[in-house]
PDB file of all heavy atoms in Angstrom:
ATOM      1  N   LYS A   1       3.548  -7.044  70.179  1.00  0.00           N
ATOM      2  CA  LYS A   1       2.964  -7.998  69.223  1.00  0.00           C
ATOM      3  C   LYS A   1       1.844  -7.353  68.424  1.00  0.00           C
ATOM      4  O   LYS A   1       1.653  -7.656  67.258  1.00  0.00           O
ATOM      5  CB  LYS A   1       2.437  -9.221  69.961  1.00  0.00           C
ATOM      6  CG  LYS A   1       3.524 -10.107  70.544  1.00  0.00           C
ATOM      7  CD  LYS A   1       2.931 -11.366  71.124  1.00  0.00           C
ATOM      8  CE  LYS A   1       3.870 -12.171  71.953  1.00  0.00           C
ATOM      9  NZ  LYS A   1       5.061 -12.651  71.410  1.00  0.00           N
ATOM     10  N   VAL A   2       1.115  -6.450  69.069  1.00  0.00           N
ATOM     11  CA  VAL A   2       0.003  -5.772  68.402  1.00  0.00           C
ATOM     12  C   VAL A   2       0.362  -4.300  68.238  1.00  0.00           C
ATOM     13  O   VAL A   2       0.629  -3.605  69.213  1.00  0.00           O
ATOM     14  CB  VAL A   2      -1.303  -5.913  69.218  1.00  0.00           C
ATOM     15  CG1 VAL A   2      -2.428  -5.149  68.549  1.00  0.00           C
ATOM     16  CG2 VAL A   2      -1.664  -7.380  69.399  1.00  0.00           C
ATOM     17  N   LEU A   3       0.393  -3.869  66.994  1.00  0.00           N
ATOM     18  CA  LEU A   3       0.605  -2.468  66.653  1.00  0.00           C
ATOM     19  C   LEU A   3      -0.496  -2.045  65.692  1.00  0.00           C
ATOM     20  O   LEU A   3      -1.007  -2.879  64.933  1.00  0.00           O
ATOM     21  CB  LEU A   3       1.948  -2.279  65.942  1.00  0.00           C
ATOM     22  CG  LEU A   3       3.214  -2.326  66.770  1.00  0.00           C
ATOM     23  CD1 LEU A   3       4.449  -2.321  65.872  1.00  0.00           C
ATOM     24  CD2 LEU A   3       3.265  -1.141  67.717  1.00  0.00           C
ATOM     25  N   PRO A   4      -0.847  -0.775  65.696  1.00  0.00           N
ATOM     26  CA  PRO A   4      -1.800  -0.329  64.678  1.00  0.00           C
ATOM     27  C   PRO A   4      -1.234  -0.590  63.285  1.00  0.00           C
ATOM     28  O   PRO A   4      -0.014  -0.602  63.096  1.00  0.00           O
ATOM     29  CB  PRO A   4      -1.919   1.177  64.928  1.00  0.00           C
ATOM     30  CG  PRO A   4      -1.329   1.423  66.258  1.00  0.00           C
ATOM     31  CD  PRO A   4      -0.384   0.308  66.548  1.00  0.00           C
ATOM     32  N   LYS A   5      -2.095  -0.810  62.336  1.00  0.00           N
ATOM     33  CA  LYS A   5      -1.650  -1.022  60.954  1.00  0.00           C
ATOM     34  C   LYS A   5      -1.082   0.275  60.378  1.00  0.00           C
ATOM     35  O   LYS A   5       0.038   0.317  59.904  1.00  0.00           O
ATOM     36  CB  LYS A   5      -2.842  -1.519  60.109  1.00  0.00           C
ATOM     37  CG  LYS A   5      -2.568  -1.582  58.624  1.00  0.00           C
ATOM     38  CD  LYS A   5      -1.888  -2.851  58.231  1.00  0.00           C
ATOM     39  CE  LYS A   5      -1.824  -2.939  56.720  1.00  0.00           C
ATOM     40  NZ  LYS A   5      -0.517  -3.166  56.197  1.00  0.00           N
ATOM     41  N   ALA A   6      -1.862   1.346  60.435  1.00  0.00           N
ATOM     42  CA  ALA A   6      -1.480   2.621  59.839  1.00  0.00           C
ATOM     43  C   ALA A   6      -1.516   3.706  60.902  1.00  0.00           C
ATOM     44  O   ALA A   6      -2.304   3.632  61.844  1.00  0.00           O
ATOM     45  CB  ALA A   6      -2.440   2.973  58.704  1.00  0.00           C
ATOM     46  N   GLY A   7      -0.648   4.704  60.743  1.00  0.00           N
ATOM     47  CA  GLY A   7      -0.690   5.799  61.690  1.00  0.00           C
ATOM     48  C   GLY A   7       0.577   6.611  61.739  1.00  0.00           C
ATOM     49  O   GLY A   7       1.333   6.698  60.777  1.00  0.00           O
ATOM     50  N   ILE A   8       0.803   7.166  62.912  1.00  0.00           N
ATOM     51  CA  ILE A   8       1.915   8.065  63.181  1.00  0.00           C
ATOM     52  C   ILE A   8       2.851   7.378  64.166  1.00  0.00           C
ATOM     53  O   ILE A   8       2.403   6.706  65.090  1.00  0.00           O
ATOM     54  CB  ILE A   8       1.397   9.370  63.827  1.00  0.00           C
ATOM     55  CG1 ILE A   8       0.390  10.077  62.921  1.00  0.00           C
ATOM     56  CG2 ILE A   8       2.538  10.322  64.197  1.00  0.00           C
ATOM     57  CD1 ILE A   8       0.928  10.526  61.601  1.00  0.00           C
ATOM     58  N   TYR A   9       4.152   7.575  63.980  1.00  0.00           N
ATOM     59  CA  TYR A   9       5.136   7.073  64.935  1.00  0.00           C
ATOM     60  C   TYR A   9       6.060   8.213  65.324  1.00  0.00           C
ATOM     61  O   TYR A   9       6.278   9.151  64.557  1.00  0.00           O
ATOM     62  CB  TYR A   9       5.923   5.879  64.383  1.00  0.00           C
ATOM     63  CG  TYR A   9       6.629   6.157  63.080  1.00  0.00           C
ATOM     64  CD1 TYR A   9       7.940   6.633  63.060  1.00  0.00           C
ATOM     65  CD2 TYR A   9       5.995   5.938  61.865  1.00  0.00           C
ATOM     66  CE1 TYR A   9       8.586   6.885  61.865  1.00  0.00           C
ATOM     67  CE2 TYR A   9       6.635   6.193  60.664  1.00  0.00           C
ATOM     68  CZ  TYR A   9       7.927   6.671  60.671  1.00  0.00           C
ATOM     69  OH  TYR A   9       8.563   6.934  59.489  1.00  0.00           O
ATOM     70  N   LEU A  10       6.579   8.136  66.536  1.00  0.00           N
ATOM     71  CA  LEU A  10       7.434   9.178  67.089  1.00  0.00           C
ATOM     72  C   LEU A  10       8.672   8.520  67.700  1.00  0.00           C
ATOM     73  O   LEU A  10       8.543   7.636  68.541  1.00  0.00           O
ATOM     74  CB  LEU A  10       6.666   9.956  68.165  1.00  0.00           C
ATOM     75  CG  LEU A  10       7.452  10.946  69.024  1.00  0.00           C
ATOM     76  CD1 LEU A  10       8.009  12.088  68.183  1.00  0.00           C
ATOM     77  CD2 LEU A  10       6.558  11.478  70.149  1.00  0.00           C
ATOM     78  N   PHE A  11       9.853   8.956  67.250  1.00  0.00           N
ATOM     79  CA  PHE A  11      11.112   8.528  67.847  1.00  0.00           C
ATOM     80  C   PHE A  11      11.556   9.591  68.842  1.00  0.00           C
ATOM     81  O   PHE A  11      11.594  10.783  68.505  1.00  0.00           O
ATOM     82  CB  PHE A  11      12.222   8.391  66.790  1.00  0.00           C
ATOM     83  CG  PHE A  11      12.177   7.112  66.006  1.00  0.00           C
ATOM     84  CD1 PHE A  11      11.588   7.064  64.756  1.00  0.00           C
ATOM     85  CD2 PHE A  11      12.762   5.957  66.508  1.00  0.00           C
ATOM     86  CE1 PHE A  11      11.570   5.901  64.015  1.00  0.00           C
ATOM     87  CE2 PHE A  11      12.755   4.776  65.775  1.00  0.00           C
ATOM     88  CZ  PHE A  11      12.148   4.748  64.531  1.00  0.00           C
ATOM     89  N   SER A  12      11.908   9.150  70.053  1.00  0.00           N
ATOM     90  CA  SER A  12      12.381  10.061  71.095  1.00  0.00           C
ATOM     91  C   SER A  12      13.614   9.477  71.752  1.00  0.00           C
ATOM     92  O   SER A  12      13.740   8.263  71.876  1.00  0.00           O
ATOM     93  CB  SER A  12      11.307  10.270  72.165  1.00  0.00           C
ATOM     94  OG  SER A  12      10.102  10.719  71.592  1.00  0.00           O
ATOM     95  N   ASN A  13      14.492  10.363  72.169  1.00  0.00           N
ATOM     96  CA  ASN A  13      15.663   9.974  72.939  1.00  0.00           C
ATOM     97  C   ASN A  13      15.436  10.534  74.337  1.00  0.00           C
ATOM     98  O   ASN A  13      15.600  11.730  74.552  1.00  0.00           O
ATOM     99  CB  ASN A  13      16.930  10.529  72.300  1.00  0.00           C
ATOM    100  CG  ASN A  13      18.169   9.857  72.809  1.00  0.00           C
ATOM    101  OD1 ASN A  13      18.106   8.925  73.605  1.00  0.00           O
ATOM    102  ND2 ASN A  13      19.313  10.325  72.352  1.00  0.00           N
ATOM    103  N   GLY A  14      15.016   9.688  75.249  1.00  0.00           N
ATOM    104  CA  GLY A  14      14.588  10.174  76.554  1.00  0.00           C
ATOM    105  C   GLY A  14      13.349  11.036  76.373  1.00  0.00           C
ATOM    106  O   GLY A  14      12.382  10.630  75.748  1.00  0.00           O
ATOM    107  N   GLU A  15      13.412  12.249  76.882  1.00  0.00           N
ATOM    108  CA  GLU A  15      12.284  13.177  76.743  1.00  0.00           C
ATOM    109  C   GLU A  15      12.411  14.082  75.523  1.00  0.00           C
ATOM    110  O   GLU A  15      11.553  14.934  75.291  1.00  0.00           O
ATOM    111  CB  GLU A  15      12.146  14.030  78.015  1.00  0.00           C
ATOM    112  CG  GLU A  15      11.770  13.220  79.238  1.00  0.00           C
ATOM    113  CD  GLU A  15      10.447  12.490  79.077  1.00  0.00           C
ATOM    114  OE1 GLU A  15       9.466  13.114  78.636  1.00  0.00           O
ATOM    115  OE2 GLU A  15      10.408  11.275  79.374  1.00  0.00           O
ATOM    116  N   GLN A  16      13.481  13.916  74.769  1.00  0.00           N
ATOM    117  CA  GLN A  16      13.684  14.736  73.579  1.00  0.00           C
ATOM    118  C   GLN A  16      13.048  14.043  72.373  1.00  0.00           C
ATOM    119  O   GLN A  16      13.501  12.984  71.939  1.00  0.00           O
ATOM    120  CB  GLN A  16      15.174  14.979  73.332  1.00  0.00           C
ATOM    121  CG  GLN A  16      15.425  15.925  72.180  1.00  0.00           C
ATOM    122  CD  GLN A  16      16.893  16.133  71.898  1.00  0.00           C
ATOM    123  OE1 GLN A  16      17.748  15.374  72.343  1.00  0.00           O
ATOM    124  NE2 GLN A  16      17.195  17.167  71.145  1.00  0.00           N
ATOM    125  N   HIS A  17      12.005  14.646  71.860  1.00  0.00           N
ATOM    126  CA  HIS A  17      11.291  14.100  70.712  1.00  0.00           C
ATOM    127  C   HIS A  17      12.013  14.538  69.437  1.00  0.00           C
ATOM    128  O   HIS A  17      12.226  15.727  69.207  1.00  0.00           O
ATOM    129  CB  HIS A  17       9.841  14.571  70.724  1.00  0.00           C
ATOM    130  CG  HIS A  17       9.150  14.255  72.011  1.00  0.00           C
ATOM    131  ND1 HIS A  17       8.962  12.963  72.454  1.00  0.00           N
ATOM    132  CD2 HIS A  17       8.643  15.054  72.970  1.00  0.00           C
ATOM    133  CE1 HIS A  17       8.344  12.980  73.614  1.00  0.00           C
ATOM    134  NE2 HIS A  17       8.140  14.241  73.959  1.00  0.00           N
ATOM    135  N   LEU A  18      12.392  13.555  68.620  1.00  0.00           N
ATOM    136  CA  LEU A  18      13.299  13.827  67.510  1.00  0.00           C
ATOM    137  C   LEU A  18      12.678  13.766  66.126  1.00  0.00           C
ATOM    138  O   LEU A  18      13.001  14.582  65.266  1.00  0.00           O
ATOM    139  CB  LEU A  18      14.474  12.843  67.570  1.00  0.00           C
ATOM    140  CG  LEU A  18      15.311  12.903  68.839  1.00  0.00           C
ATOM    141  CD1 LEU A  18      16.336  11.784  68.838  1.00  0.00           C
ATOM    142  CD2 LEU A  18      15.965  14.259  68.997  1.00  0.00           C
ATOM    143  N   TYR A  19      11.834  12.778  65.891  1.00  0.00           N
ATOM    144  CA  TYR A  19      11.372  12.545  64.520  1.00  0.00           C
ATOM    145  C   TYR A  19       9.978  11.934  64.530  1.00  0.00           C
ATOM    146  O   TYR A  19       9.713  10.993  65.270  1.00  0.00           O
ATOM    147  CB  TYR A  19      12.344  11.604  63.812  1.00  0.00           C
ATOM    148  CG  TYR A  19      11.998  11.328  62.367  1.00  0.00           C
ATOM    149  CD1 TYR A  19      12.283  12.256  61.368  1.00  0.00           C
ATOM    150  CD2 TYR A  19      11.379  10.141  62.001  1.00  0.00           C
ATOM    151  CE1 TYR A  19      11.956  12.001  60.042  1.00  0.00           C
ATOM    152  CE2 TYR A  19      11.062   9.879  60.673  1.00  0.00           C
ATOM    153  CZ  TYR A  19      11.347  10.808  59.699  1.00  0.00           C
ATOM    154  OH  TYR A  19      11.035  10.555  58.398  1.00  0.00           O
ATOM    155  N   VAL A  20       9.111  12.474  63.687  1.00  0.00           N
ATOM    156  CA  VAL A  20       7.748  11.988  63.529  1.00  0.00           C
ATOM    157  C   VAL A  20       7.600  11.486  62.098  1.00  0.00           C
ATOM    158  O   VAL A  20       8.073  12.136  61.156  1.00  0.00           O
ATOM    159  CB  VAL A  20       6.717  13.128  63.743  1.00  0.00           C
ATOM    160  CG1 VAL A  20       5.301  12.600  63.660  1.00  0.00           C
ATOM    161  CG2 VAL A  20       6.960  13.843  65.050  1.00  0.00           C
ATOM    162  N   GLY A  21       6.956  10.352  61.948  1.00  0.00           N
ATOM    163  CA  GLY A  21       6.699   9.826  60.611  1.00  0.00           C
ATOM    164  C   GLY A  21       5.287   9.292  60.518  1.00  0.00           C
ATOM    165  O   GLY A  21       4.594   9.142  61.527  1.00  0.00           O
ATOM    166  N   ARG A  22       4.886   9.013  59.313  1.00  0.00           N
ATOM    167  CA  ARG A  22       3.565   8.433  59.090  1.00  0.00           C
ATOM    168  C   ARG A  22       3.690   7.313  58.070  1.00  0.00           C
ATOM    169  O   ARG A  22       4.605   7.319  57.239  1.00  0.00           O
ATOM    170  CB  ARG A  22       2.566   9.471  58.610  1.00  0.00           C
ATOM    171  CG  ARG A  22       2.853  10.022  57.234  1.00  0.00           C
ATOM    172  CD  ARG A  22       1.868  11.131  56.906  1.00  0.00           C
ATOM    173  NE  ARG A  22       2.163  11.743  55.641  1.00  0.00           N
ATOM    174  CZ  ARG A  22       1.457  11.557  54.535  1.00  0.00           C
ATOM    175  NH1 ARG A  22       0.399  10.779  54.541  1.00  0.00           N
ATOM    176  NH2 ARG A  22       1.799  12.139  53.418  1.00  0.00           N
ATOM    177  N   THR A  23       2.797   6.359  58.183  1.00  0.00           N
ATOM    178  CA  THR A  23       2.877   5.195  57.303  1.00  0.00           C
ATOM    179  C   THR A  23       1.562   4.438  57.304  1.00  0.00           C
ATOM    180  O   THR A  23       0.759   4.570  58.226  1.00  0.00           O
ATOM    181  CB  THR A  23       4.018   4.256  57.753  1.00  0.00           C
ATOM    182  OG1 THR A  23       4.113   3.159  56.861  1.00  0.00           O
ATOM    183  CG2 THR A  23       3.795   3.738  59.164  1.00  0.00           C
ATOM    184  N   ASN A  24       1.382   3.636  56.293  1.00  0.00           N
ATOM    185  CA  ASN A  24       0.231   2.730  56.246  1.00  0.00           C
ATOM    186  C   ASN A  24       0.600   1.338  56.737  1.00  0.00           C
ATOM    187  O   ASN A  24      -0.218   0.428  56.695  1.00  0.00           O
ATOM    188  CB  ASN A  24      -0.347   2.672  54.833  1.00  0.00           C
ATOM    189  CG  ASN A  24      -1.084   3.939  54.502  1.00  0.00           C
ATOM    190  OD1 ASN A  24      -1.681   4.581  55.376  1.00  0.00           O
ATOM    191  ND2 ASN A  24      -1.051   4.343  53.249  1.00  0.00           N
ATOM    192  N   SER A  25       1.846   1.171  57.188  1.00  0.00           N
ATOM    193  CA  SER A  25       2.294  -0.108  57.722  1.00  0.00           C
ATOM    194  C   SER A  25       3.343   0.158  58.813  1.00  0.00           C
ATOM    195  O   SER A  25       4.552   0.134  58.547  1.00  0.00           O
ATOM    196  CB  SER A  25       2.884  -0.975  56.606  1.00  0.00           C
ATOM    197  OG  SER A  25       3.302  -2.209  57.129  1.00  0.00           O
ATOM    198  N   ILE A  26       2.868   0.424  60.023  1.00  0.00           N
ATOM    199  CA  ILE A  26       3.769   0.850  61.107  1.00  0.00           C
ATOM    200  C   ILE A  26       4.869  -0.171  61.372  1.00  0.00           C
ATOM    201  O   ILE A  26       6.049   0.182  61.432  1.00  0.00           O
ATOM    202  CB  ILE A  26       2.974   1.170  62.386  1.00  0.00           C
ATOM    203  CG1 ILE A  26       2.191   2.479  62.176  1.00  0.00           C
ATOM    204  CG2 ILE A  26       3.894   1.284  63.588  1.00  0.00           C
ATOM    205  CD1 ILE A  26       1.307   2.896  63.330  1.00  0.00           C
ATOM    206  N   ARG A  27       4.525  -1.429  61.538  1.00  0.00           N
ATOM    207  CA  ARG A  27       5.550  -2.436  61.853  1.00  0.00           C
ATOM    208  C   ARG A  27       6.637  -2.474  60.770  1.00  0.00           C
ATOM    209  O   ARG A  27       7.831  -2.424  61.063  1.00  0.00           O
ATOM    210  CB  ARG A  27       4.923  -3.821  62.020  1.00  0.00           C
ATOM    211  CG  ARG A  27       5.933  -4.908  62.391  1.00  0.00           C
ATOM    212  CD  ARG A  27       5.265  -6.244  62.659  1.00  0.00           C
ATOM    213  NE  ARG A  27       4.283  -6.178  63.718  1.00  0.00           N
ATOM    214  CZ  ARG A  27       4.565  -6.197  65.032  1.00  0.00           C
ATOM    215  NH1 ARG A  27       5.812  -6.298  65.425  1.00  0.00           N
ATOM    216  NH2 ARG A  27       3.601  -6.130  65.927  1.00  0.00           N
ATOM    217  N   LYS A  28       6.220  -2.530  59.527  1.00  0.00           N
ATOM    218  CA  LYS A  28       7.173  -2.592  58.416  1.00  0.00           C
ATOM    219  C   LYS A  28       8.041  -1.330  58.360  1.00  0.00           C
ATOM    220  O   LYS A  28       9.252  -1.411  58.160  1.00  0.00           O
ATOM    221  CB  LYS A  28       6.427  -2.774  57.094  1.00  0.00           C
ATOM    222  CG  LYS A  28       7.320  -2.856  55.883  1.00  0.00           C
ATOM    223  CD  LYS A  28       6.512  -3.054  54.619  1.00  0.00           C
ATOM    224  CE  LYS A  28       7.392  -3.027  53.407  1.00  0.00           C
ATOM    225  NZ  LYS A  28       6.613  -3.103  52.162  1.00  0.00           N
ATOM    226  N   ARG A  29       7.419  -0.164  58.592  1.00  0.00           N
ATOM    227  CA  ARG A  29       8.179   1.087  58.509  1.00  0.00           C
ATOM    228  C   ARG A  29       9.202   1.184  59.633  1.00  0.00           C
ATOM    229  O   ARG A  29      10.335   1.615  59.408  1.00  0.00           O
ATOM    230  CB  ARG A  29       7.227   2.296  58.542  1.00  0.00           C
ATOM    231  CG  ARG A  29       7.948   3.610  58.296  1.00  0.00           C
ATOM    232  CD  ARG A  29       8.461   3.672  56.854  1.00  0.00           C
ATOM    233  NE  ARG A  29       9.294   4.841  56.641  1.00  0.00           N
ATOM    234  CZ  ARG A  29      10.606   4.803  56.444  1.00  0.00           C
ATOM    235  NH1 ARG A  29      11.266   3.645  56.421  1.00  0.00           N
ATOM    236  NH2 ARG A  29      11.292   5.907  56.250  1.00  0.00           N
ATOM    237  N   LEU A  30       8.838   0.772  60.828  1.00  0.00           N
ATOM    238  CA  LEU A  30       9.800   0.783  61.930  1.00  0.00           C
ATOM    239  C   LEU A  30      10.963  -0.160  61.638  1.00  0.00           C
ATOM    240  O   LEU A  30      12.123   0.153  61.937  1.00  0.00           O
ATOM    241  CB  LEU A  30       9.117   0.419  63.250  1.00  0.00           C
ATOM    242  CG  LEU A  30       8.109   1.445  63.773  1.00  0.00           C
ATOM    243  CD1 LEU A  30       7.430   0.923  65.034  1.00  0.00           C
ATOM    244  CD2 LEU A  30       8.746   2.811  64.002  1.00  0.00           C
ATOM    245  N   GLN A  31      10.669  -1.304  61.046  1.00  0.00           N
ATOM    246  CA  GLN A  31      11.728  -2.236  60.662  1.00  0.00           C
ATOM    247  C   GLN A  31      12.657  -1.592  59.629  1.00  0.00           C
ATOM    248  O   GLN A  31      13.881  -1.738  59.701  1.00  0.00           O
ATOM    249  CB  GLN A  31      11.132  -3.526  60.110  1.00  0.00           C
ATOM    250  CG  GLN A  31      10.441  -4.353  61.172  1.00  0.00           C
ATOM    251  CD  GLN A  31       9.637  -5.508  60.609  1.00  0.00           C
ATOM    252  OE1 GLN A  31       9.293  -5.534  59.432  1.00  0.00           O
ATOM    253  NE2 GLN A  31       9.307  -6.458  61.475  1.00  0.00           N
ATOM    254  N   GLN A  32      12.090  -0.880  58.678  1.00  0.00           N
ATOM    255  CA  GLN A  32      12.911  -0.213  57.666  1.00  0.00           C
ATOM    256  C   GLN A  32      13.825   0.825  58.300  1.00  0.00           C
ATOM    257  O   GLN A  32      14.976   0.983  57.892  1.00  0.00           O
ATOM    258  CB  GLN A  32      12.024   0.450  56.611  1.00  0.00           C
ATOM    259  CG  GLN A  32      11.314  -0.535  55.726  1.00  0.00           C
ATOM    260  CD  GLN A  32      10.287   0.134  54.824  1.00  0.00           C
ATOM    261  OE1 GLN A  32       9.702   1.164  55.178  1.00  0.00           O
ATOM    262  NE2 GLN A  32      10.071  -0.452  53.662  1.00  0.00           N
ATOM    263  N   HIS A  33      13.329   1.544  59.280  1.00  0.00           N
ATOM    264  CA  HIS A  33      14.157   2.546  59.956  1.00  0.00           C
ATOM    265  C   HIS A  33      15.288   1.912  60.754  1.00  0.00           C
ATOM    266  O   HIS A  33      16.390   2.460  60.804  1.00  0.00           O
ATOM    267  CB  HIS A  33      13.305   3.376  60.936  1.00  0.00           C
ATOM    268  CG  HIS A  33      12.613   4.547  60.331  1.00  0.00           C
ATOM    269  ND1 HIS A  33      13.273   5.638  59.803  1.00  0.00           N
ATOM    270  CD2 HIS A  33      11.291   4.820  60.196  1.00  0.00           C
ATOM    271  CE1 HIS A  33      12.399   6.521  59.370  1.00  0.00           C
ATOM    272  NE2 HIS A  33      11.187   6.044  59.601  1.00  0.00           N
ATOM    273  N   CYS A  34      15.035   0.784  61.398  1.00  0.00           N
ATOM    274  CA  CYS A  34      15.927   0.287  62.451  1.00  0.00           C
ATOM    275  C   CYS A  34      16.787  -0.915  62.100  1.00  0.00           C
ATOM    276  O   CYS A  34      17.820  -1.132  62.751  1.00  0.00           O
ATOM    277  CB  CYS A  34      15.091  -0.069  63.684  1.00  0.00           C
ATOM    278  SG  CYS A  34      14.250   1.352  64.411  1.00  0.00           S
ATOM    279  N   ARG A  35      16.394  -1.725  61.173  1.00  0.00           N
ATOM    280  CA  ARG A  35      17.169  -2.941  60.903  1.00  0.00           C
ATOM    281  C   ARG A  35      18.557  -2.600  60.387  1.00  0.00           C
ATOM    282  O   ARG A  35      18.742  -1.676  59.597  1.00  0.00           O
ATOM    283  CB  ARG A  35      16.447  -3.815  59.885  1.00  0.00           C
ATOM    284  CG  ARG A  35      15.317  -4.580  60.510  1.00  0.00           C
ATOM    285  CD  ARG A  35      14.850  -5.678  59.602  1.00  0.00           C
ATOM    286  NE  ARG A  35      13.892  -6.519  60.291  1.00  0.00           N
ATOM    287  CZ  ARG A  35      12.935  -7.176  59.694  1.00  0.00           C
ATOM    288  NH1 ARG A  35      12.808  -7.124  58.383  1.00  0.00           N
ATOM    289  NH2 ARG A  35      12.108  -7.914  60.392  1.00  0.00           N
ATOM    290  N   SER A  36      19.519  -3.382  60.817  1.00  0.00           N
ATOM    291  CA  SER A  36      20.910  -3.104  60.445  1.00  0.00           C
ATOM    292  C   SER A  36      21.126  -3.163  58.937  1.00  0.00           C
ATOM    293  O   SER A  36      21.961  -2.441  58.407  1.00  0.00           O
ATOM    294  CB  SER A  36      21.860  -4.063  61.162  1.00  0.00           C
ATOM    295  OG  SER A  36      21.532  -5.401  60.847  1.00  0.00           O
ATOM    296  N   GLY A  37      20.367  -3.989  58.233  1.00  0.00           N
ATOM    297  CA  GLY A  37      20.541  -4.114  56.785  1.00  0.00           C
ATOM    298  C   GLY A  37      19.719  -3.142  55.963  1.00  0.00           C
ATOM    299  O   GLY A  37      19.758  -3.190  54.733  1.00  0.00           O
TER     300      GLY A  37
END
């Protein structure tokens, strides 16, 4: 429910770290990456 507004995010598959991104709106950016539409 609570996420930082701006910062760095890291996608990992298990212990394998795959992709790092940065944004000024973490929640919105994660939604853009993951939503089916």
